[in-house]
Amino acid sequence: MTSLLSRFANILKPTIASLLSLIALTLPTLAAEQVIIASTGGAYDRALKEAWFDPFTKATGIEVVTVVATNAEMRAKAAAMVKTGNVNWDLYLDGEIQAASKAHREVTEDLTEYCRQFARRKDLSANACSAGGALLQSTATLLAYRTGKSGDPAPETWADMWDTEKFPGERAFPNFDDPWRVMAAALLADGVKRDELFPLDIDRALAKLDKIRPSISLWWKTGDQSVQGFRNGEYSLGQIWLTRAKAMQTEGLPIAWSYKASFLVGDRIALLKGAPHRNNALKLIAFWLNSPAAQAKACEVLSCTPPSRDAIALMSEEARVTMPQGDDVRDYVIVPDAEWINANTTMLLQRWNEWIR
């Protein structure tokens, strides 16, 4: 009997050893600290990963897990998770305008108290940290176009976007739950003055859009989709984010843009109510605001304006001149009326969905 048991034990030894090895390999993974953030993917996420997420993980040991979704999907998913109490994201990136809305406040944690630690930072902009989240970056939605031969006329205004004879080619516009920028471009193309743009004349905007609709080949829903569309030659002129246009230019693609047809926008890092890794999420936000080098590295690639002036000083001269400058904002760049947009979001989206069908 003893001999039989000994033989049985010898047979089991390799199996037991394998199981122990598997457990040893698995336990660190299960125990790993993490933080989950939702973003729009593509070149944008790659820049954030290299500049922000990877250095954060190296410094803290906390893994940053990214979830890719459209802006509309992020807002809908965030609201659904909080409503059901089944929250599995910690952070998501929301637009500067949306971050000031009632809908945003209902699903995100008020960071007012958390932000006090950054109040005395002279290098940070006054709005770097607020109730709706921390400022990731400021940028623009603008007219971007495929460059031609030297000396060829270049489109500069929204009126040029509508001029399909002088500037032939397919067009691209965004189509998600934030249609004000498309309507605003249409009104400016129709001759509305920038200081008389808001409140938007929806009927006039949609009538102007009717005229260019046959030339629109791409209605993009994510920044990465706008990049792929340009790369694949689906359009020659498009209303896209500066961060994506700059990433394409860095790739060597033949693209340029005009601040004479642009809107000032930005992203905030929002903390979901009931975030499963709340403390890690707050550490990730702090790492961003406390790291001018990380901000500079990301905005060097994306041509965005970081929240820290020290970060701007670390950027190359080439990168700084492609950011929205003070003169550009003063003379051309439209600062949207966030209060009016948030108050009329439902109406805007209803009218848009009726038109876009």
Protein backbone atom coordinates (compact mmCIF):
# COMPACT_ATOMS: atom_id res chain seq x y z
CA MET A 1 0.00 0.00 0.00
CA THR A 2 2.84 2.37 0.94
CA SER A 3 4.55 1.65 -2.37
CA LEU A 4 1.32 2.36 -4.25
CA LEU A 5 0.84 5.71 -2.48
CA SER A 6 4.43 6.67 -3.23
CA ARG A 7 3.96 5.93 -6.93
CA PHE A 8 0.68 7.95 -6.93
CA ALA A 9 2.43 10.91 -5.25
CA ASN A 10 5.23 10.80 -7.83
CA ILE A 11 2.67 10.89 -10.62
CA LEU A 12 0.95 13.94 -9.09
CA LYS A 13 4.15 15.92 -8.44
CA PRO A 14 4.46 17.39 -11.97
CA THR A 15 0.78 18.30 -12.00
CA ILE A 16 0.97 19.97 -8.57
CA ALA A 17 4.13 21.81 -9.60
CA SER A 18 2.41 23.08 -12.75
CA LEU A 19 -0.59 24.25 -10.77
CA LEU A 20 1.59 26.07 -8.27
CA SER A 21 3.49 27.77 -11.08
CA LEU A 22 0.23 28.84 -12.72
CA ILE A 23 -1.05 30.26 -9.44
CA ALA A 24 2.22 32.13 -8.90
CA LEU A 25 1.96 33.68 -12.35
CA THR A 26 -1.69 34.57 -11.94
CA LEU A 27 -1.67 36.13 -8.48
CA PRO A 28 0.41 39.21 -9.37
CA THR A 29 -1.93 39.90 -12.30
CA LEU A 30 -5.00 39.59 -10.12
CA ALA A 31 -3.46 41.80 -7.46
CA ALA A 32 -2.19 44.46 -9.88
CA GLU A 33 -3.39 47.99 -9.19
CA GLN A 34 -5.19 49.65 -12.08
CA VAL A 35 -7.25 52.61 -13.21
CA ILE A 36 -9.71 52.51 -16.11
CA ILE A 37 -10.15 55.52 -18.39
CA ALA A 38 -12.36 55.88 -21.46
CA SER A 39 -11.12 57.86 -24.45
CA THR A 40 -11.63 58.06 -28.22
CA GLY A 41 -8.66 55.94 -29.29
CA GLY A 42 -6.25 56.20 -32.20
CA ALA A 43 -3.46 58.76 -32.40
CA TYR A 44 -4.91 60.69 -29.47
CA ASP A 45 -4.66 57.74 -27.09
CA ARG A 46 -1.22 56.79 -28.38
CA ALA A 47 0.07 60.26 -27.53
CA LEU A 48 -1.49 60.16 -24.05
CA LYS A 49 -0.14 56.66 -23.42
CA GLU A 50 3.43 57.59 -24.25
CA ALA A 51 3.41 60.95 -22.48
CA TRP A 52 1.14 60.28 -19.50
CA PHE A 53 -0.09 56.73 -18.91
CA ASP A 54 3.22 54.87 -19.28
CA PRO A 55 5.24 57.30 -17.09
CA PHE A 56 2.46 57.15 -14.48
CA THR A 57 2.58 53.35 -14.42
CA LYS A 58 6.37 53.41 -14.16
CA ALA A 59 6.23 55.83 -11.23
CA THR A 60 3.35 54.21 -9.32
CA GLY A 61 3.00 50.62 -10.50
CA ILE A 62 -0.65 51.35 -11.32
CA GLU A 63 -1.72 50.03 -14.73
CA VAL A 64 -3.76 52.37 -16.92
CA VAL A 65 -6.43 50.47 -18.83
CA THR A 66 -8.03 52.37 -21.71
CA VAL A 67 -11.51 51.81 -23.10
CA VAL A 68 -12.27 53.18 -26.57
CA ALA A 69 -15.66 54.73 -27.33
CA THR A 70 -17.17 57.64 -29.22
CA ASN A 71 -17.98 60.79 -27.26
CA ALA A 72 -21.69 60.01 -27.47
CA GLU A 73 -21.10 56.43 -26.30
CA MET A 74 -19.00 57.61 -23.38
CA ARG A 75 -21.66 60.00 -22.15
CA ALA A 76 -24.45 57.44 -22.57
CA LYS A 77 -22.43 54.65 -20.94
CA ALA A 78 -21.38 56.85 -18.03
CA ALA A 79 -24.98 57.84 -17.35
CA ALA A 80 -26.18 54.23 -17.55
CA MET A 81 -23.46 52.91 -15.23
CA VAL A 82 -24.13 55.52 -12.56
CA LYS A 83 -27.91 55.05 -12.81
CA THR A 84 -27.67 51.27 -12.33
CA GLY A 85 -24.88 51.45 -9.75
CA ASN A 86 -22.72 49.18 -11.90
CA VAL A 87 -19.75 51.45 -12.55
CA ASN A 88 -16.72 49.80 -14.15
CA TRP A 89 -14.92 52.88 -15.48
CA ASP A 90 -13.07 55.35 -13.28
CA LEU A 91 -12.48 58.25 -15.64
CA TYR A 92 -13.62 59.43 -19.03
CA LEU A 93 -12.75 62.35 -21.25
CA ASP A 94 -15.56 64.81 -21.84
CA GLY A 95 -15.68 68.04 -23.77
CA GLU A 96 -15.10 71.34 -22.02
CA ILE A 97 -18.62 72.47 -22.85
CA GLN A 98 -20.31 69.26 -21.73
CA ALA A 99 -18.33 69.26 -18.49
CA ALA A 100 -20.26 72.36 -17.43
CA SER A 101 -23.67 70.78 -18.06
CA LYS A 102 -26.24 69.44 -15.59
CA ALA A 103 -26.09 66.01 -17.23
CA HIS A 104 -22.34 65.85 -16.60
CA ARG A 105 -22.72 66.86 -12.95
CA GLU A 106 -25.28 64.10 -12.40
CA VAL A 107 -22.82 61.32 -13.28
CA THR A 108 -19.45 62.71 -12.16
CA GLU A 109 -17.93 63.46 -8.80
CA ASP A 110 -17.58 67.13 -7.85
CA LEU A 111 -13.82 67.75 -7.68
CA THR A 112 -14.00 71.18 -6.03
CA GLU A 113 -12.34 70.04 -2.78
CA TYR A 114 -9.80 67.90 -4.61
CA CYS A 115 -8.85 70.87 -6.79
CA ARG A 116 -7.85 73.05 -3.83
CA GLN A 117 -4.40 71.46 -3.79
CA PHE A 118 -3.68 73.03 -7.18
CA ALA A 119 -5.11 76.49 -6.44
CA ARG A 120 -1.74 78.08 -5.61
CA ARG A 121 0.08 76.68 -8.61
CA LYS A 122 1.09 79.79 -10.55
CA ASP A 123 1.94 77.80 -13.68
CA LEU A 124 -1.55 76.31 -14.02
CA SER A 125 -4.37 78.12 -15.79
CA ALA A 126 -7.24 79.30 -13.59
CA ASN A 127 -9.54 76.61 -14.99
CA ALA A 128 -7.01 73.77 -14.77
CA CYS A 129 -9.04 71.96 -12.13
CA SER A 130 -12.73 72.53 -11.48
CA ALA A 131 -15.88 70.80 -10.27
CA GLY A 132 -16.42 69.08 -13.63
CA GLY A 133 -12.91 67.66 -13.89
CA ALA A 134 -9.29 68.50 -14.62
CA LEU A 135 -8.36 70.21 -17.87
CA LEU A 136 -6.57 67.81 -20.17
CA GLN A 137 -5.92 70.29 -22.96
CA SER A 138 -7.39 73.07 -25.04
CA THR A 139 -7.48 72.85 -28.80
CA ALA A 140 -9.71 73.70 -31.75
CA THR A 141 -12.24 72.19 -34.10
CA LEU A 142 -11.33 73.65 -37.45
CA LEU A 143 -11.15 73.48 -41.23
CA ALA A 144 -8.42 71.09 -42.34
CA TYR A 145 -7.57 70.39 -45.95
CA ARG A 146 -5.36 68.33 -48.23
CA THR A 147 -2.49 70.48 -49.45
CA GLY A 148 -1.87 70.81 -53.18
CA LYS A 149 0.90 72.20 -55.32
CA SER A 150 2.86 75.20 -54.14
CA GLY A 151 1.03 78.35 -55.11
CA ASP A 152 -2.40 76.70 -55.27
CA PRO A 153 -5.10 78.65 -53.41
CA ALA A 154 -5.78 77.30 -49.93
CA PRO A 155 -9.19 77.33 -48.22
CA GLU A 156 -9.24 79.60 -45.18
CA THR A 157 -12.85 80.24 -44.15
CA TRP A 158 -16.06 78.29 -43.74
CA ALA A 159 -17.31 80.05 -46.87
CA ASP A 160 -14.40 78.36 -48.69
CA MET A 161 -15.59 75.02 -47.32
CA TRP A 162 -18.89 75.60 -49.11
CA ASP A 163 -17.21 76.75 -52.34
CA THR A 164 -17.04 73.45 -54.19
CA GLU A 165 -16.08 75.07 -57.51
CA LYS A 166 -12.99 76.89 -56.27
CA PHE A 167 -12.08 74.06 -53.88
CA PRO A 168 -13.33 70.78 -55.39
CA GLY A 169 -13.32 67.51 -53.53
CA GLU A 170 -15.31 65.58 -50.95
CA ARG A 171 -16.06 67.03 -47.52
CA ALA A 172 -16.19 65.63 -43.99
CA PHE A 173 -18.11 66.76 -40.91
CA PRO A 174 -18.66 65.27 -37.45
CA ASN A 175 -21.92 63.52 -36.62
CA PHE A 176 -22.34 62.80 -32.93
CA ASP A 177 -24.37 64.21 -30.04
CA ASP A 178 -22.76 67.65 -30.28
CA PRO A 179 -23.93 69.23 -33.57
CA TRP A 180 -23.55 72.91 -32.67
CA ARG A 181 -20.13 73.21 -34.37
CA VAL A 182 -21.46 72.01 -37.75
CA MET A 183 -24.41 74.41 -37.55
CA ALA A 184 -22.14 77.25 -36.46
CA ALA A 185 -19.82 76.65 -39.43
CA ALA A 186 -22.81 76.76 -41.77
CA LEU A 187 -23.96 80.09 -40.35
CA LEU A 188 -20.50 81.62 -40.63
CA ALA A 189 -20.31 80.37 -44.23
CA ASP A 190 -23.66 82.06 -44.81
CA GLY A 191 -22.32 85.43 -43.68
CA VAL A 192 -23.25 85.58 -39.99
CA LYS A 193 -20.74 87.67 -38.02
CA ARG A 194 -18.76 85.90 -35.32
CA ASP A 195 -20.07 88.20 -32.56
CA GLU A 196 -23.66 87.52 -33.67
CA LEU A 197 -23.34 83.75 -33.97
CA PHE A 198 -25.12 82.80 -30.75
CA PRO A 199 -27.92 82.01 -30.29
CA LEU A 200 -27.69 79.82 -33.38
CA ASP A 201 -30.30 80.27 -36.11
CA ILE A 202 -31.02 76.56 -36.61
CA ASP A 203 -33.31 76.94 -39.63
CA ARG A 204 -30.76 79.07 -41.46
CA ALA A 205 -27.92 76.69 -40.57
CA LEU A 206 -29.72 73.60 -41.85
CA ALA A 207 -30.73 75.40 -45.05
CA LYS A 208 -27.06 76.20 -45.67
CA LEU A 209 -26.08 72.62 -44.92
CA ASP A 210 -28.58 71.42 -47.53
CA LYS A 211 -26.41 73.11 -50.16
CA ILE A 212 -23.23 71.22 -49.28
CA ARG A 213 -24.75 67.90 -48.29
CA PRO A 214 -24.17 66.21 -51.69
CA SER A 215 -20.43 66.85 -51.29
CA ILE A 216 -20.16 65.33 -47.82
CA SER A 217 -18.65 61.85 -48.13
CA LEU A 218 -17.82 61.24 -44.47
CA TRP A 219 -19.82 61.89 -41.32
CA TRP A 220 -17.27 60.90 -38.71
CA LYS A 221 -18.14 59.85 -35.17
CA THR A 222 -14.63 59.56 -33.69
CA GLY A 223 -11.42 61.46 -34.16
CA ASP A 224 -9.74 58.27 -35.34
CA GLN A 225 -12.40 57.85 -38.02
CA SER A 226 -11.64 61.36 -39.29
CA VAL A 227 -7.97 60.40 -39.50
CA GLN A 228 -8.64 57.18 -41.37
CA GLY A 229 -10.96 59.00 -43.77
CA PHE A 230 -8.28 61.53 -44.65
CA ARG A 231 -5.60 58.86 -44.91
CA ASN A 232 -7.80 56.83 -47.26
CA GLY A 233 -8.59 59.84 -49.45
CA GLU A 234 -12.30 59.92 -48.53
CA TYR A 235 -12.28 63.72 -48.27
CA SER A 236 -10.19 66.74 -49.19
CA LEU A 237 -11.66 69.29 -46.77
CA GLY A 238 -13.11 68.54 -43.38
CA GLN A 239 -14.15 69.93 -40.04
CA ILE A 240 -11.95 67.95 -37.64
CA TRP A 241 -10.07 68.36 -34.37
CA LEU A 242 -6.72 70.13 -34.47
CA THR A 243 -5.22 67.36 -32.33
CA ARG A 244 -5.98 64.83 -35.09
CA ALA A 245 -4.85 67.13 -37.90
CA LYS A 246 -1.52 67.72 -36.16
CA ALA A 247 -1.03 63.99 -35.57
CA MET A 248 -1.55 63.39 -39.30
CA GLN A 249 0.87 66.17 -40.19
CA THR A 250 3.43 64.57 -37.89
CA GLU A 251 2.92 61.31 -39.83
CA GLY A 252 3.89 63.19 -42.97
CA LEU A 253 0.42 63.35 -44.51
CA PRO A 254 -0.29 66.37 -46.78
CA ILE A 255 -2.59 68.28 -44.44
CA ALA A 256 -2.88 71.86 -43.25
CA TRP A 257 -5.53 73.91 -41.45
CA SER A 258 -6.89 77.40 -40.94
CA TYR A 259 -7.58 79.22 -37.70
CA LYS A 260 -9.83 81.58 -39.67
CA ALA A 261 -12.35 78.73 -39.58
CA SER A 262 -12.11 77.36 -36.05
CA PHE A 263 -13.80 76.93 -32.69
CA LEU A 264 -12.01 76.79 -29.34
CA VAL A 265 -12.71 73.50 -27.55
CA GLY A 266 -11.03 71.29 -24.98
CA ASP A 267 -11.26 68.08 -22.95
CA ARG A 268 -11.66 67.46 -19.24
CA ILE A 269 -10.77 64.38 -17.22
CA ALA A 270 -13.97 63.48 -15.37
CA LEU A 271 -14.27 61.13 -12.37
CA LEU A 272 -17.37 58.92 -12.37
CA LYS A 273 -19.48 58.64 -9.25
CA GLY A 274 -18.81 55.26 -7.67
CA ALA A 275 -15.54 54.76 -9.57
CA PRO A 276 -14.13 51.34 -8.56
CA HIS A 277 -10.53 52.60 -8.40
CA ARG A 278 -11.24 56.12 -7.17
CA ASN A 279 -7.95 56.72 -5.36
CA ASN A 280 -5.92 55.52 -8.32
CA ALA A 281 -7.98 57.74 -10.60
CA LEU A 282 -7.23 60.79 -8.46
CA LYS A 283 -3.54 59.89 -8.55
CA LEU A 284 -3.66 59.74 -12.35
CA ILE A 285 -5.27 63.19 -12.53
CA ALA A 286 -2.71 64.64 -10.11
CA PHE A 287 0.13 63.11 -12.11
CA TRP A 288 -1.09 64.97 -15.20
CA LEU A 289 -1.50 68.34 -13.50
CA ASN A 290 1.80 67.98 -11.65
CA SER A 291 3.79 66.92 -14.71
CA PRO A 292 4.56 69.75 -17.15
CA ALA A 293 6.87 67.34 -18.97
CA ALA A 294 4.01 64.89 -19.62
CA GLN A 295 1.73 67.71 -20.79
CA ALA A 296 4.43 69.09 -23.07
CA LYS A 297 5.17 65.71 -24.61
CA ALA A 298 1.50 65.03 -25.40
CA CYS A 299 0.80 68.50 -26.78
CA GLU A 300 3.99 68.44 -28.81
CA VAL A 301 2.40 65.63 -30.82
CA LEU A 302 -1.19 66.85 -30.73
CA SER A 303 -0.64 70.61 -31.11
CA CYS A 304 -2.81 71.29 -28.08
CA THR A 305 -2.46 73.90 -25.36
CA PRO A 306 -1.62 72.24 -22.01
CA PRO A 307 -2.96 73.58 -18.69
CA SER A 308 0.53 74.46 -17.42
CA ARG A 309 2.53 77.43 -18.73
CA ASP A 310 5.66 75.55 -17.70
CA ALA A 311 4.63 72.81 -20.12
CA ILE A 312 4.26 75.32 -22.93
CA ALA A 313 7.81 76.51 -22.23
CA LEU A 314 9.08 72.94 -22.64
CA MET A 315 7.52 72.55 -26.09
CA SER A 316 9.43 73.22 -29.28
CA GLU A 317 8.97 76.50 -31.11
CA GLU A 318 7.53 74.57 -34.04
CA ALA A 319 4.84 73.04 -31.80
CA ARG A 320 4.03 76.31 -30.07
CA VAL A 321 3.34 78.16 -33.32
CA THR A 322 0.80 75.52 -34.37
CA MET A 323 -1.22 75.97 -31.15
CA PRO A 324 -4.10 78.47 -31.07
CA GLN A 325 -2.30 81.74 -30.29
CA GLY A 326 -3.60 84.83 -28.53
CA ASP A 327 -3.93 86.77 -31.79
CA ASP A 328 -5.75 83.86 -33.43
CA VAL A 329 -8.25 83.67 -30.57
CA ARG A 330 -8.73 87.42 -30.61
CA ASP A 331 -9.22 87.76 -34.35
CA TYR A 332 -10.60 84.46 -35.65
CA VAL A 333 -11.17 81.59 -33.25
CA ILE A 334 -14.77 81.36 -32.06
CA VAL A 335 -15.24 80.84 -28.31
CA PRO A 336 -18.57 78.96 -28.17
CA ASP A 337 -21.38 80.02 -25.87
CA ALA A 338 -21.29 77.00 -23.56
CA GLU A 339 -24.23 78.18 -21.47
CA TRP A 340 -26.50 78.48 -24.52
CA ILE A 341 -25.33 75.16 -25.97
CA ASN A 342 -25.96 73.27 -22.73
CA ALA A 343 -29.37 74.90 -22.28
CA ASN A 344 -30.40 73.89 -25.81
CA THR A 345 -28.71 70.51 -26.18
CA THR A 346 -31.95 68.51 -26.47
CA MET A 347 -33.41 70.84 -29.08
CA LEU A 348 -30.17 70.95 -31.09
CA LEU A 349 -29.88 67.17 -31.15
CA GLN A 350 -33.52 66.69 -32.10
CA ARG A 351 -33.27 69.10 -35.02
CA TRP A 352 -29.97 67.57 -36.09
CA ASN A 353 -31.25 63.99 -36.02
CA GLU A 354 -34.29 65.00 -38.07
CA TRP A 355 -32.03 66.61 -40.68
CA ILE A 356 -29.28 63.99 -40.85
CA ARG A 357 -31.62 61.02 -41.51
